[in-house]
């Protein structure tokens, strides 16, 4: 089931693939063509500077990398998750709440 979803994302976004990778082609800010290779695994582990890690579903990693191609995967996933929180709650999770 997971790989079927990945195949759908590859078709939807017009991505490339080989036996072991999903390949995300993009153009950088200087106009140069680049490609990001992501291993075809059910989950991708992102290690953070603070020593903790999060296992993200491959589908989320692909969506984040397509949406924010020049960002690191950790930054792209963070931005995508912040947008999801804003969409779900209607509030900015980074904005400080007014104290009474």
Protein backbone atom coordinates (compact mmCIF):
# COMPACT_ATOMS: atom_id res chain seq x y z
CA UNK A 1 0.00 0.00 0.00
CA UNK A 2 2.79 2.45 0.84
CA UNK A 3 4.54 1.97 -2.50
CA UNK A 4 1.25 2.41 -4.36
CA UNK A 5 0.88 5.83 -2.72
CA UNK A 6 4.47 6.66 -3.68
CA UNK A 7 3.81 5.62 -7.29
CA UNK A 8 0.79 7.95 -7.32
CA UNK A 9 2.90 10.86 -6.01
CA UNK A 10 5.58 10.19 -8.64
CA UNK A 11 2.94 10.42 -11.36
CA UNK A 12 1.13 13.40 -9.79
CA UNK A 13 4.29 15.51 -9.45
CA UNK A 14 6.03 14.23 -12.60
CA UNK A 15 8.99 12.87 -10.64
CA UNK A 16 11.60 10.38 -11.69
CA UNK A 17 12.64 7.16 -10.04
CA UNK A 18 15.15 4.37 -10.20
CA UNK A 19 15.19 1.06 -8.38
CA UNK A 20 16.17 2.57 -5.01
CA UNK A 21 15.31 6.30 -5.22
CA UNK A 22 12.58 8.80 -5.85
CA UNK A 23 14.27 11.58 -7.83
CA UNK A 24 12.95 15.12 -7.50
CA UNK A 25 14.16 17.40 -10.30
CA UNK A 26 14.06 21.14 -9.64
CA UNK A 27 15.59 24.41 -10.75
CA UNK A 28 17.58 26.34 -8.15
CA UNK A 29 17.43 30.11 -7.68
CA UNK A 30 20.27 30.54 -10.22
CA UNK A 31 18.39 28.61 -12.89
CA UNK A 32 20.56 25.49 -12.69
CA UNK A 33 18.85 22.13 -12.96
CA UNK A 34 19.29 19.95 -9.90
CA UNK A 35 17.96 16.66 -8.60
CA UNK A 36 17.28 15.46 -5.06
CA UNK A 37 17.50 11.70 -4.45
CA UNK A 38 15.35 10.20 -1.69
CA UNK A 39 15.66 6.54 -0.74
CA UNK A 40 12.55 4.44 -1.29
CA UNK A 41 11.91 3.40 2.30
CA UNK A 42 8.61 3.44 4.20
CA UNK A 43 10.03 6.04 6.61
CA UNK A 44 12.90 8.52 6.46
CA UNK A 45 14.64 9.37 9.74
CA UNK A 46 15.59 13.01 10.22
CA UNK A 47 18.17 13.69 12.94
CA UNK A 48 18.06 17.11 14.55
CA UNK A 49 20.91 19.11 16.12
CA UNK A 50 19.45 18.69 19.58
CA UNK A 51 19.97 14.93 19.40
CA UNK A 52 16.44 13.77 18.75
CA UNK A 53 15.01 12.26 15.59
CA UNK A 54 11.68 11.83 13.86
CA UNK A 55 10.70 9.12 11.38
CA UNK A 56 8.63 10.72 8.61
CA UNK A 57 6.53 8.75 6.11
CA UNK A 58 8.14 8.78 2.66
CA UNK A 59 5.01 10.39 1.20
CA UNK A 60 5.40 13.39 3.55
CA UNK A 61 9.09 13.69 2.66
CA UNK A 62 8.29 13.70 -1.06
CA UNK A 63 5.55 16.32 -0.67
CA UNK A 64 7.79 18.57 1.42
CA UNK A 65 10.74 18.22 -0.98
CA UNK A 66 8.54 19.06 -3.97
CA UNK A 67 6.99 22.07 -2.22
CA UNK A 68 10.29 23.44 -0.86
CA UNK A 69 12.99 22.03 -3.15
CA UNK A 70 15.85 24.30 -2.09
CA UNK A 71 15.28 23.80 1.65
CA UNK A 72 16.87 21.02 3.66
CA UNK A 73 14.49 18.12 4.26
CA UNK A 74 14.20 19.02 7.95
CA UNK A 75 13.28 22.63 7.10
CA UNK A 76 10.88 21.58 4.35
CA UNK A 77 9.09 19.14 6.66
CA UNK A 78 8.91 21.75 9.41
CA UNK A 79 7.37 24.31 7.07
CA UNK A 80 4.88 21.81 5.69
CA UNK A 81 3.83 20.75 9.20
CA UNK A 82 3.44 24.38 10.31
CA UNK A 83 1.14 24.99 7.34
CA UNK A 84 -0.92 21.93 8.26
CA UNK A 85 -1.32 23.24 11.82
CA UNK A 86 -2.38 26.65 10.50
CA UNK A 87 -4.90 25.04 8.14
CA UNK A 88 -6.35 22.86 10.90
CA UNK A 89 -6.55 25.47 13.62
CA UNK A 90 -6.69 28.75 11.74
CA UNK A 91 -3.90 30.10 13.95
CA UNK A 92 -0.18 30.59 13.51
CA UNK A 93 1.60 28.10 15.82
CA UNK A 94 4.65 30.38 15.97
CA UNK A 95 2.75 33.47 17.04
CA UNK A 96 2.87 34.19 20.74
CA UNK A 97 -0.48 34.18 22.46
CA UNK A 98 -1.58 37.30 24.27
CA UNK A 99 -1.14 36.94 27.98
CA UNK A 100 -4.00 38.17 30.17
